């Protein structure tokens, strides 16, 4: 058992500090509608991504390869993040994996 000494040198059980409460519990500005306007970045157009011209991520490549195989289409490993996102959307529609 973990113990710590108080100012008198006596062993006291160690108590974990309570986590600080979030400033606005239950509200996330990236996912919450504010005043009827959606300020979410969950559905941002890939053409507007600041990193959209970087190479696709490993996760995108893996999922895109799986979708391409399911759709019977070729896999292009040289896509950018934005291009991969658009291709994933198209293949999700084609394979029925899209939400």
PDB file of N, CA and C in Angstrom:
ATOM      1  N   UNK A   1       0.837  -1.186   0.000  1.00  0.00           N
ATOM      2  CA  UNK A   1       0.000   0.000   0.000  1.00  0.00           C
ATOM      3  C   UNK A   1       0.880   1.247   0.000  1.00  0.00           C
ATOM      4  N   UNK A   2       0.542   2.190  -0.840  1.00  0.00           N
ATOM      5  CA  UNK A   2       1.304   3.429  -0.886  1.00  0.00           C
ATOM      6  C   UNK A   2       0.945   4.284   0.316  1.00  0.00           C
ATOM      7  N   UNK A   3       1.930   4.870   0.910  1.00  0.00           N
ATOM      8  CA  UNK A   3       1.690   5.757   2.040  1.00  0.00           C
ATOM      9  C   UNK A   3       2.545   6.991   1.870  1.00  0.00           C
ATOM     10  N   UNK A   4       2.109   8.060   2.473  1.00  0.00           N
ATOM     11  CA  UNK A   4       2.919   9.264   2.477  1.00  0.00           C
ATOM     12  C   UNK A   4       2.948   9.796   3.908  1.00  0.00           C
ATOM     13  N   UNK A   5       3.940  10.543   4.230  1.00  0.00           N
ATOM     14  CA  UNK A   5       4.069  11.075   5.581  1.00  0.00           C
ATOM     15  C   UNK A   5       3.439  12.458   5.636  1.00  0.00           C
ATOM     16  N   UNK A   6       2.668  12.674   6.702  1.00  0.00           N
ATOM     17  CA  UNK A   6       2.139  14.012   6.879  1.00  0.00           C
ATOM     18  C   UNK A   6       3.207  14.876   7.536  1.00  0.00           C
ATOM     19  N   UNK A   7       2.880  16.088   7.845  1.00  0.00           N
ATOM     20  CA  UNK A   7       3.878  16.999   8.408  1.00  0.00           C
ATOM     21  C   UNK A   7       4.383  16.558   9.781  1.00  0.00           C
ATOM     22  N   UNK A   8       3.689  15.626  10.435  1.00  0.00           N
ATOM     23  CA  UNK A   8       4.123  15.111  11.734  1.00  0.00           C
ATOM     24  C   UNK A   8       4.943  13.835  11.587  1.00  0.00           C
ATOM     25  N   UNK A   9       5.168  13.353  10.368  1.00  0.00           N
ATOM     26  CA  UNK A   9       5.955  12.156  10.147  1.00  0.00           C
ATOM     27  C   UNK A   9       5.144  10.873  10.238  1.00  0.00           C
ATOM     28  N   UNK A  10       3.826  10.967  10.384  1.00  0.00           N
ATOM     29  CA  UNK A  10       2.987   9.773  10.467  1.00  0.00           C
ATOM     30  C   UNK A  10       2.613   9.302   9.072  1.00  0.00           C
ATOM     31  N   UNK A  11       2.527   7.988   8.902  1.00  0.00           N
ATOM     32  CA  UNK A  11       2.122   7.434   7.613  1.00  0.00           C
ATOM     33  C   UNK A  11       0.625   7.621   7.423  1.00  0.00           C
ATOM     34  N   UNK A  12       0.272   8.105   6.284  1.00  0.00           N
ATOM     35  CA  UNK A  12      -1.132   8.291   5.913  1.00  0.00           C
ATOM     36  C   UNK A  12      -1.385   7.568   4.608  1.00  0.00           C
ATOM     37  N   UNK A  13      -2.586   6.976   4.417  1.00  0.00           N
ATOM     38  CA  UNK A  13      -2.871   6.350   3.117  1.00  0.00           C
ATOM     39  C   UNK A  13      -2.775   7.393   2.008  1.00  0.00           C
ATOM     40  N   UNK A  14      -2.244   6.963   0.875  1.00  0.00           N
ATOM     41  CA  UNK A  14      -2.115   7.859  -0.272  1.00  0.00           C
ATOM     42  C   UNK A  14      -3.478   8.010  -0.944  1.00  0.00           C
ATOM     43  N   UNK A  15      -3.900   9.218  -1.138  1.00  0.00           N
ATOM     44  CA  UNK A  15      -5.164   9.486  -1.821  1.00  0.00           C
ATOM     45  C   UNK A  15      -4.867  10.176  -3.139  1.00  0.00           C
ATOM     46  N   UNK A  16      -5.470   9.630  -4.171  1.00  0.00           N
ATOM     47  CA  UNK A  16      -5.291  10.244  -5.495  1.00  0.00           C
ATOM     48  C   UNK A  16      -6.041  11.559  -5.547  1.00  0.00           C
ATOM     49  N   UNK A  17      -5.454  12.512  -6.224  1.00  0.00           N
ATOM     50  CA  UNK A  17      -6.111  13.794  -6.419  1.00  0.00           C
ATOM     51  C   UNK A  17      -7.312  13.609  -7.338  1.00  0.00           C
ATOM     52  N   UNK A  18      -8.384  14.295  -7.053  1.00  0.00           N
ATOM     53  CA  UNK A  18      -9.553  14.242  -7.926  1.00  0.00           C
ATOM     54  C   UNK A  18      -9.224  14.998  -9.208  1.00  0.00           C
ATOM     55  N   UNK A  19      -9.615  14.445 -10.357  1.00  0.00           N
ATOM     56  CA  UNK A  19      -9.328  15.158 -11.607  1.00  0.00           C
ATOM     57  C   UNK A  19     -10.082  16.476 -11.663  1.00  0.00           C
ATOM     58  N   UNK A  20      -9.450  17.450 -12.256  1.00  0.00           N
ATOM     59  CA  UNK A  20     -10.093  18.757 -12.412  1.00  0.00           C
ATOM     60  C   UNK A  20     -11.287  18.616 -13.343  1.00  0.00           C
ATOM     61  N   UNK A  21     -12.330  19.336 -13.041  1.00  0.00           N
ATOM     62  CA  UNK A  21     -13.534  19.276 -13.866  1.00  0.00           C
ATOM     63  C   UNK A  21     -13.346  20.116 -15.116  1.00  0.00           C
ATOM     64  N   UNK A  22     -13.859  19.632 -16.218  1.00  0.00           N
ATOM     65  CA  UNK A  22     -13.771  20.366 -17.485  1.00  0.00           C
ATOM     66  C   UNK A  22     -14.530  21.673 -17.348  1.00  0.00           C
ATOM     67  N   UNK A  23     -14.065  22.745 -18.009  1.00  0.00           N
ATOM     68  CA  UNK A  23     -14.727  24.040 -17.884  1.00  0.00           C
ATOM     69  C   UNK A  23     -16.189  24.012 -18.328  1.00  0.00           C
ATOM     70  N   UNK A  24     -16.511  23.294 -19.371  1.00  0.00           N
ATOM     71  CA  UNK A  24     -17.877  23.174 -19.866  1.00  0.00           C
ATOM     72  C   UNK A  24     -18.187  21.707 -20.098  1.00  0.00           C
ATOM     73  N   UNK A  25     -18.426  20.943 -19.026  1.00  0.00           N
ATOM     74  CA  UNK A  25     -18.661  19.513 -19.229  1.00  0.00           C
ATOM     75  C   UNK A  25     -19.822  19.276 -20.170  1.00  0.00           C
ATOM     76  N   UNK A  26     -19.648  18.325 -21.082  1.00  0.00           N
ATOM     77  CA  UNK A  26     -20.715  17.999 -22.020  1.00  0.00           C
ATOM     78  C   UNK A  26     -20.744  18.863 -23.267  1.00  0.00           C
ATOM     79  N   UNK A  27     -19.920  19.891 -23.326  1.00  0.00           N
ATOM     80  CA  UNK A  27     -19.905  20.765 -24.495  1.00  0.00           C
ATOM     81  C   UNK A  27     -18.538  20.718 -25.143  1.00  0.00           C
ATOM     82  N   UNK A  28     -18.529  20.389 -26.391  1.00  0.00           N
ATOM     83  CA  UNK A  28     -17.293  20.385 -27.161  1.00  0.00           C
ATOM     84  C   UNK A  28     -17.507  21.340 -28.327  1.00  0.00           C
ATOM     85  N   UNK A  29     -16.753  22.423 -28.416  1.00  0.00           N
ATOM     86  CA  UNK A  29     -16.992  23.407 -29.471  1.00  0.00           C
ATOM     87  C   UNK A  29     -16.799  22.858 -30.875  1.00  0.00           C
ATOM     88  N   UNK A  30     -16.112  21.732 -30.998  1.00  0.00           N
ATOM     89  CA  UNK A  30     -15.912  21.149 -32.320  1.00  0.00           C
ATOM     90  C   UNK A  30     -17.065  20.241 -32.724  1.00  0.00           C
ATOM     91  N   UNK A  31     -17.928  19.890 -31.786  1.00  0.00           N
ATOM     92  CA  UNK A  31     -19.014  18.966 -32.107  1.00  0.00           C
ATOM     93  C   UNK A  31     -20.382  19.487 -31.713  1.00  0.00           C
ATOM     94  N   UNK A  32     -20.469  20.666 -31.126  1.00  0.00           N
ATOM     95  CA  UNK A  32     -21.728  21.195 -30.634  1.00  0.00           C
ATOM     96  C   UNK A  32     -22.229  22.317 -31.539  1.00  0.00           C
ATOM     97  N   UNK A  33     -23.530  22.261 -31.860  1.00  0.00           N
ATOM     98  CA  UNK A  33     -24.148  23.357 -32.596  1.00  0.00           C
ATOM     99  C   UNK A  33     -24.279  24.548 -31.657  1.00  0.00           C
ATOM    100  N   UNK A  34     -23.898  25.724 -32.117  1.00  0.00           N
ATOM    101  CA  UNK A  34     -23.994  26.928 -31.320  1.00  0.00           C
ATOM    102  C   UNK A  34     -24.861  27.917 -32.071  1.00  0.00           C
ATOM    103  N   UNK A  35     -25.973  28.288 -31.470  1.00  0.00           N
ATOM    104  CA  UNK A  35     -26.863  29.248 -32.107  1.00  0.00           C
ATOM    105  C   UNK A  35     -27.398  28.761 -33.440  1.00  0.00           C
ATOM    106  N   UNK A  36     -27.583  27.445 -33.573  1.00  0.00           N
ATOM    107  CA  UNK A  36     -28.127  26.884 -34.797  1.00  0.00           C
ATOM    108  C   UNK A  36     -27.092  26.663 -35.889  1.00  0.00           C
ATOM    109  N   UNK A  37     -25.858  27.108 -35.665  1.00  0.00           N
ATOM    110  CA  UNK A  37     -24.804  26.931 -36.669  1.00  0.00           C
ATOM    111  C   UNK A  37     -23.881  25.803 -36.230  1.00  0.00           C
ATOM    112  N   UNK A  38     -23.544  24.949 -37.148  1.00  0.00           N
ATOM    113  CA  UNK A  38     -22.640  23.845 -36.858  1.00  0.00           C
ATOM    114  C   UNK A  38     -21.201  24.329 -36.996  1.00  0.00           C
ATOM    115  N   UNK A  39     -20.472  24.366 -35.868  1.00  0.00           N
ATOM    116  CA  UNK A  39     -19.079  24.795 -35.883  1.00  0.00           C
ATOM    117  C   UNK A  39     -18.146  23.591 -35.851  1.00  0.00           C
ATOM    118  N   UNK A  40     -18.665  22.466 -36.252  1.00  0.00           N
ATOM    119  CA  UNK A  40     -17.909  21.217 -36.206  1.00  0.00           C
ATOM    120  C   UNK A  40     -16.871  21.176 -37.309  1.00  0.00           C
ATOM    121  N   UNK A  41     -15.770  20.472 -37.036  1.00  0.00           N
ATOM    122  CA  UNK A  41     -14.791  20.221 -38.092  1.00  0.00           C
ATOM    123  C   UNK A  41     -14.869  18.768 -38.529  1.00  0.00           C
ATOM    124  N   UNK A  42     -15.931  18.061 -38.108  1.00  0.00           N
ATOM    125  CA  UNK A  42     -16.081  16.659 -38.459  1.00  0.00           C
ATOM    126  C   UNK A  42     -16.370  16.479 -39.941  1.00  0.00           C
ATOM    127  N   UNK A  43     -17.007  17.428 -40.581  1.00  0.00           N
ATOM    128  CA  UNK A  43     -17.413  17.298 -41.973  1.00  0.00           C
ATOM    129  C   UNK A  43     -16.780  18.368 -42.846  1.00  0.00           C
ATOM    130  N   UNK A  44     -15.560  18.734 -42.547  1.00  0.00           N
ATOM    131  CA  UNK A  44     -14.866  19.765 -43.323  1.00  0.00           C
ATOM    132  C   UNK A  44     -14.505  19.222 -44.699  1.00  0.00           C
ATOM    133  N   UNK A  45     -14.728  20.022 -45.718  1.00  0.00           N
ATOM    134  CA  UNK A  45     -14.422  19.641 -47.094  1.00  0.00           C
ATOM    135  C   UNK A  45     -12.919  19.392 -47.235  1.00  0.00           C
ATOM    136  N   UNK A  46     -12.528  18.222 -47.747  1.00  0.00           N
ATOM    137  CA  UNK A  46     -11.092  17.933 -47.905  1.00  0.00           C
ATOM    138  C   UNK A  46     -10.339  18.991 -48.706  1.00  0.00           C
ATOM    139  N   UNK A  47     -11.019  19.685 -49.615  1.00  0.00           N
ATOM    140  CA  UNK A  47     -10.348  20.742 -50.382  1.00  0.00           C
ATOM    141  C   UNK A  47      -9.934  21.908 -49.487  1.00  0.00           C
ATOM    142  N   UNK A  48     -10.557  22.002 -48.302  1.00  0.00           N
ATOM    143  CA  UNK A  48     -10.250  23.095 -47.379  1.00  0.00           C
ATOM    144  C   UNK A  48      -9.261  22.693 -46.283  1.00  0.00           C
ATOM    145  N   UNK A  49      -8.803  21.446 -46.287  1.00  0.00           N
ATOM    146  CA  UNK A  49      -7.858  20.988 -45.267  1.00  0.00           C
ATOM    147  C   UNK A  49      -6.517  21.686 -45.453  1.00  0.00           C
ATOM    148  N   UNK A  50      -5.928  22.149 -44.365  1.00  0.00           N
ATOM    149  CA  UNK A  50      -4.613  22.795 -44.463  1.00  0.00           C
ATOM    150  C   UNK A  50      -3.516  21.778 -44.759  1.00  0.00           C
ATOM    151  N   UNK A  51      -3.738  20.503 -44.422  1.00  0.00           N
ATOM    152  CA  UNK A  51      -2.737  19.458 -44.686  1.00  0.00           C
ATOM    153  C   UNK A  51      -3.189  18.514 -45.801  1.00  0.00           C
ATOM    154  N   UNK A  52      -4.185  18.933 -46.560  1.00  0.00           N
ATOM    155  CA  UNK A  52      -4.747  18.070 -47.586  1.00  0.00           C
ATOM    156  C   UNK A  52      -3.792  17.677 -48.693  1.00  0.00           C
ATOM    157  N   UNK A  53      -2.740  18.467 -48.892  1.00  0.00           N
ATOM    158  CA  UNK A  53      -1.797  18.147 -49.970  1.00  0.00           C
ATOM    159  C   UNK A  53      -0.649  17.255 -49.495  1.00  0.00           C
ATOM    160  N   UNK A  54      -0.661  16.870 -48.217  1.00  0.00           N
ATOM    161  CA  UNK A  54       0.349  15.936 -47.709  1.00  0.00           C
ATOM    162  C   UNK A  54      -0.011  14.518 -48.131  1.00  0.00           C
ATOM    163  N   UNK A  55       0.962  13.607 -48.138  1.00  0.00           N
ATOM    164  CA  UNK A  55       0.650  12.212 -48.486  1.00  0.00           C
ATOM    165  C   UNK A  55      -0.403  11.636 -47.530  1.00  0.00           C
ATOM    166  N   UNK A  56      -1.223  10.723 -48.044  1.00  0.00           N
ATOM    167  CA  UNK A  56      -2.252  10.124 -47.199  1.00  0.00           C
ATOM    168  C   UNK A  56      -1.617   9.424 -46.005  1.00  0.00           C
ATOM    169  N   UNK A  57      -2.398   9.293 -44.938  1.00  0.00           N
ATOM    170  CA  UNK A  57      -1.901   8.643 -43.732  1.00  0.00           C
ATOM    171  C   UNK A  57      -1.879   7.126 -43.922  1.00  0.00           C
ATOM    172  N   UNK A  58      -1.200   6.458 -43.035  1.00  0.00           N
ATOM    173  CA  UNK A  58      -1.172   5.003 -43.068  1.00  0.00           C
ATOM    174  C   UNK A  58      -2.551   4.404 -42.893  1.00  0.00           C
ATOM    175  N   UNK A  59      -3.350   5.007 -42.011  1.00  0.00           N
ATOM    176  CA  UNK A  59      -4.710   4.524 -41.790  1.00  0.00           C
ATOM    177  C   UNK A  59      -5.554   4.688 -43.053  1.00  0.00           C
ATOM    178  N   UNK A  60      -5.411   5.831 -43.714  1.00  0.00           N
ATOM    179  CA  UNK A  60      -6.143   6.038 -44.965  1.00  0.00           C
ATOM    180  C   UNK A  60      -5.726   5.009 -46.008  1.00  0.00           C
ATOM    181  N   UNK A  61      -4.432   4.780 -46.140  1.00  0.00           N
ATOM    182  CA  UNK A  61      -3.927   3.833 -47.140  1.00  0.00           C
ATOM    183  C   UNK A  61      -4.465   2.432 -46.877  1.00  0.00           C
ATOM    184  N   UNK A  62      -4.448   2.018 -45.623  1.00  0.00           N
ATOM    185  CA  UNK A  62      -4.922   0.689 -45.271  1.00  0.00           C
ATOM    186  C   UNK A  62      -6.405   0.520 -45.588  1.00  0.00           C
ATOM    187  N   UNK A  63      -7.204   1.487 -45.178  1.00  0.00           N
ATOM    188  CA  UNK A  63      -8.643   1.414 -45.415  1.00  0.00           C
ATOM    189  C   UNK A  63      -8.957   1.528 -46.900  1.00  0.00           C
ATOM    190  N   UNK A  64      -8.253   2.409 -47.582  1.00  0.00           N
ATOM    191  CA  UNK A  64      -8.465   2.585 -49.016  1.00  0.00           C
ATOM    192  C   UNK A  64      -8.125   1.315 -49.783  1.00  0.00           C
ATOM    193  N   UNK A  65      -7.076   0.629 -49.366  1.00  0.00           N
ATOM    194  CA  UNK A  65      -6.708  -0.631 -50.020  1.00  0.00           C
ATOM    195  C   UNK A  65      -7.815  -1.669 -49.822  1.00  0.00           C
ATOM    196  N   UNK A  66      -8.332  -1.758 -48.607  1.00  0.00           N
ATOM    197  CA  UNK A  66      -9.430  -2.693 -48.317  1.00  0.00           C
ATOM    198  C   UNK A  66     -10.661  -2.368 -49.155  1.00  0.00           C
ATOM    199  N   UNK A  67     -11.036  -1.096 -49.192  1.00  0.00           N
ATOM    200  CA  UNK A  67     -12.211  -0.686 -49.971  1.00  0.00           C
ATOM    201  C   UNK A  67     -11.999  -0.937 -51.461  1.00  0.00           C
ATOM    202  N   UNK A  68     -10.798  -0.651 -51.942  1.00  0.00           N
ATOM    203  CA  UNK A  68     -10.504  -0.858 -53.363  1.00  0.00           C
ATOM    204  C   UNK A  68     -10.661  -2.328 -53.730  1.00  0.00           C
ATOM    205  N   UNK A  69     -10.155  -3.219 -52.884  1.00  0.00           N
ATOM    206  CA  UNK A  69     -10.283  -4.660 -53.127  1.00  0.00           C
ATOM    207  C   UNK A  69     -11.751  -5.085 -53.129  1.00  0.00           C
ATOM    208  N   UNK A  70     -12.513  -4.601 -52.160  1.00  0.00           N
ATOM    209  CA  UNK A  70     -13.937  -4.940 -52.086  1.00  0.00           C
ATOM    210  C   UNK A  70     -14.710  -4.445 -53.299  1.00  0.00           C
ATOM    211  N   UNK A  71     -14.308  -3.276 -53.809  1.00  0.00           N
ATOM    212  CA  UNK A  71     -14.999  -2.686 -54.954  1.00  0.00           C
ATOM    213  C   UNK A  71     -14.485  -3.225 -56.278  1.00  0.00           C
ATOM    214  N   UNK A  72     -13.406  -4.012 -56.243  1.00  0.00           N
ATOM    215  CA  UNK A  72     -12.827  -4.539 -57.469  1.00  0.00           C
ATOM    216  C   UNK A  72     -12.131  -3.468 -58.291  1.00  0.00           C
ATOM    217  N   UNK A  73     -11.581  -2.474 -57.599  1.00  0.00           N
ATOM    218  CA  UNK A  73     -10.902  -1.372 -58.285  1.00  0.00           C
ATOM    219  C   UNK A  73      -9.455  -1.305 -57.848  1.00  0.00           C
ATOM    220  N   UNK A  74      -8.646  -0.633 -58.651  1.00  0.00           N
ATOM    221  CA  UNK A  74      -7.227  -0.509 -58.350  1.00  0.00           C
ATOM    222  C   UNK A  74      -6.965   0.416 -57.174  1.00  0.00           C
ATOM    223  N   UNK A  75      -5.833   0.196 -56.524  1.00  0.00           N
ATOM    224  CA  UNK A  75      -5.417   1.013 -55.389  1.00  0.00           C
ATOM    225  C   UNK A  75      -4.276   1.917 -55.821  1.00  0.00           C
ATOM    226  N   UNK A  76      -4.406   3.219 -55.562  1.00  0.00           N
ATOM    227  CA  UNK A  76      -3.357   4.193 -55.877  1.00  0.00           C
ATOM    228  C   UNK A  76      -2.739   4.653 -54.562  1.00  0.00           C
ATOM    229  N   UNK A  77      -1.526   4.241 -54.294  1.00  0.00           N
ATOM    230  CA  UNK A  77      -0.853   4.579 -53.047  1.00  0.00           C
ATOM    231  C   UNK A  77      -0.199   5.944 -53.026  1.00  0.00           C
ATOM    232  N   UNK A  78      -0.347   6.721 -54.101  1.00  0.00           N
ATOM    233  CA  UNK A  78       0.303   8.030 -54.181  1.00  0.00           C
ATOM    234  C   UNK A  78      -0.665   9.199 -54.001  1.00  0.00           C
ATOM    235  N   UNK A  79      -1.820   8.950 -53.411  1.00  0.00           N
ATOM    236  CA  UNK A  79      -2.807  10.020 -53.238  1.00  0.00           C
ATOM    237  C   UNK A  79      -2.437  10.925 -52.060  1.00  0.00           C
ATOM    238  N   UNK A  80      -2.929  12.142 -52.096  1.00  0.00           N
ATOM    239  CA  UNK A  80      -2.785  13.055 -50.961  1.00  0.00           C
ATOM    240  C   UNK A  80      -3.865  12.717 -49.931  1.00  0.00           C
ATOM    241  N   UNK A  81      -3.780  13.337 -48.768  1.00  0.00           N
ATOM    242  CA  UNK A  81      -4.796  13.124 -47.740  1.00  0.00           C
ATOM    243  C   UNK A  81      -6.190  13.486 -48.261  1.00  0.00           C
ATOM    244  N   UNK A  82      -6.291  14.626 -48.928  1.00  0.00           N
ATOM    245  CA  UNK A  82      -7.583  15.078 -49.430  1.00  0.00           C
ATOM    246  C   UNK A  82      -8.104  14.145 -50.529  1.00  0.00           C
ATOM    247  N   UNK A  83      -7.228  13.755 -51.462  1.00  0.00           N
ATOM    248  CA  UNK A  83      -7.642  12.845 -52.535  1.00  0.00           C
ATOM    249  C   UNK A  83      -8.068  11.493 -51.965  1.00  0.00           C
ATOM    250  N   UNK A  84      -7.321  11.005 -50.975  1.00  0.00           N
ATOM    251  CA  UNK A  84      -7.652   9.722 -50.358  1.00  0.00           C
ATOM    252  C   UNK A  84      -9.013   9.793 -49.666  1.00  0.00           C
ATOM    253  N   UNK A  85      -9.277  10.901 -48.993  1.00  0.00           N
ATOM    254  CA  UNK A  85     -10.556  11.060 -48.315  1.00  0.00           C
ATOM    255  C   UNK A  85     -11.716  11.012 -49.300  1.00  0.00           C
ATOM    256  N   UNK A  86     -11.569  11.719 -50.417  1.00  0.00           N
ATOM    257  CA  UNK A  86     -12.619  11.716 -51.442  1.00  0.00           C
ATOM    258  C   UNK A  86     -12.789  10.321 -52.052  1.00  0.00           C
ATOM    259  N   UNK A  87     -11.675   9.638 -52.273  1.00  0.00           N
ATOM    260  CA  UNK A  87     -11.721   8.288 -52.846  1.00  0.00           C
ATOM    261  C   UNK A  87     -12.389   7.318 -51.866  1.00  0.00           C
ATOM    262  N   UNK A  88     -12.077   7.447 -50.587  1.00  0.00           N
ATOM    263  CA  UNK A  88     -12.706   6.615 -49.562  1.00  0.00           C
ATOM    264  C   UNK A  88     -14.214   6.837 -49.567  1.00  0.00           C
ATOM    265  N   UNK A  89     -14.639   8.099 -49.612  1.00  0.00           N
ATOM    266  CA  UNK A  89     -16.080   8.403 -49.650  1.00  0.00           C
ATOM    267  C   UNK A  89     -16.748   7.729 -50.845  1.00  0.00           C
ATOM    268  N   UNK A  90     -16.122   7.832 -52.010  1.00  0.00           N
ATOM    269  CA  UNK A  90     -16.697   7.254 -53.221  1.00  0.00           C
ATOM    270  C   UNK A  90     -16.782   5.734 -53.116  1.00  0.00           C
ATOM    271  N   UNK A  91     -15.718   5.109 -52.605  1.00  0.00           N
ATOM    272  CA  UNK A  91     -15.713   3.652 -52.490  1.00  0.00           C
ATOM    273  C   UNK A  91     -16.647   3.147 -51.383  1.00  0.00           C
ATOM    274  N   UNK A  92     -16.820   3.948 -50.337  1.00  0.00           N
ATOM    275  CA  UNK A  92     -17.790   3.587 -49.300  1.00  0.00           C
ATOM    276  C   UNK A  92     -19.197   3.550 -49.896  1.00  0.00           C
ATOM    277  N   UNK A  93     -19.504   4.539 -50.722  1.00  0.00           N
ATOM    278  CA  UNK A  93     -20.812   4.557 -51.381  1.00  0.00           C
ATOM    279  C   UNK A  93     -20.972   3.335 -52.272  1.00  0.00           C
ATOM    280  N   UNK A  94     -19.929   3.012 -53.029  1.00  0.00           N
ATOM    281  CA  UNK A  94     -19.988   1.894 -53.968  1.00  0.00           C
ATOM    282  C   UNK A  94     -20.117   0.548 -53.255  1.00  0.00           C
ATOM    283  N   UNK A  95     -19.399   0.400 -52.135  1.00  0.00           N
ATOM    284  CA  UNK A  95     -19.410  -0.895 -51.428  1.00  0.00           C
ATOM    285  C   UNK A  95     -20.506  -0.994 -50.382  1.00  0.00           C
ATOM    286  N   UNK A  96     -21.181   0.107 -50.097  1.00  0.00           N
ATOM    287  CA  UNK A  96     -22.219   0.093 -49.072  1.00  0.00           C
ATOM    288  C   UNK A  96     -21.673   0.214 -47.665  1.00  0.00           C
ATOM    289  N   UNK A  97     -20.392   0.537 -47.531  1.00  0.00           N
ATOM    290  CA  UNK A  97     -19.800   0.699 -46.199  1.00  0.00           C
ATOM    291  C   UNK A  97     -20.047   2.074 -45.626  1.00  0.00           C
ATOM    292  N   UNK A  98     -20.460   3.010 -46.422  1.00  0.00           N
ATOM    293  CA  UNK A  98     -20.684   4.353 -45.933  1.00  0.00           C
ATOM    294  C   UNK A  98     -21.859   4.425 -44.970  1.00  0.00           C
ATOM    295  N   UNK A  99     -21.813   5.381 -44.106  1.00  0.00           N
ATOM    296  CA  UNK A  99     -22.877   5.524 -43.095  1.00  0.00           C
ATOM    297  C   UNK A  99     -24.124   6.141 -43.682  1.00  0.00           C
TER     298      UNK A  99
END
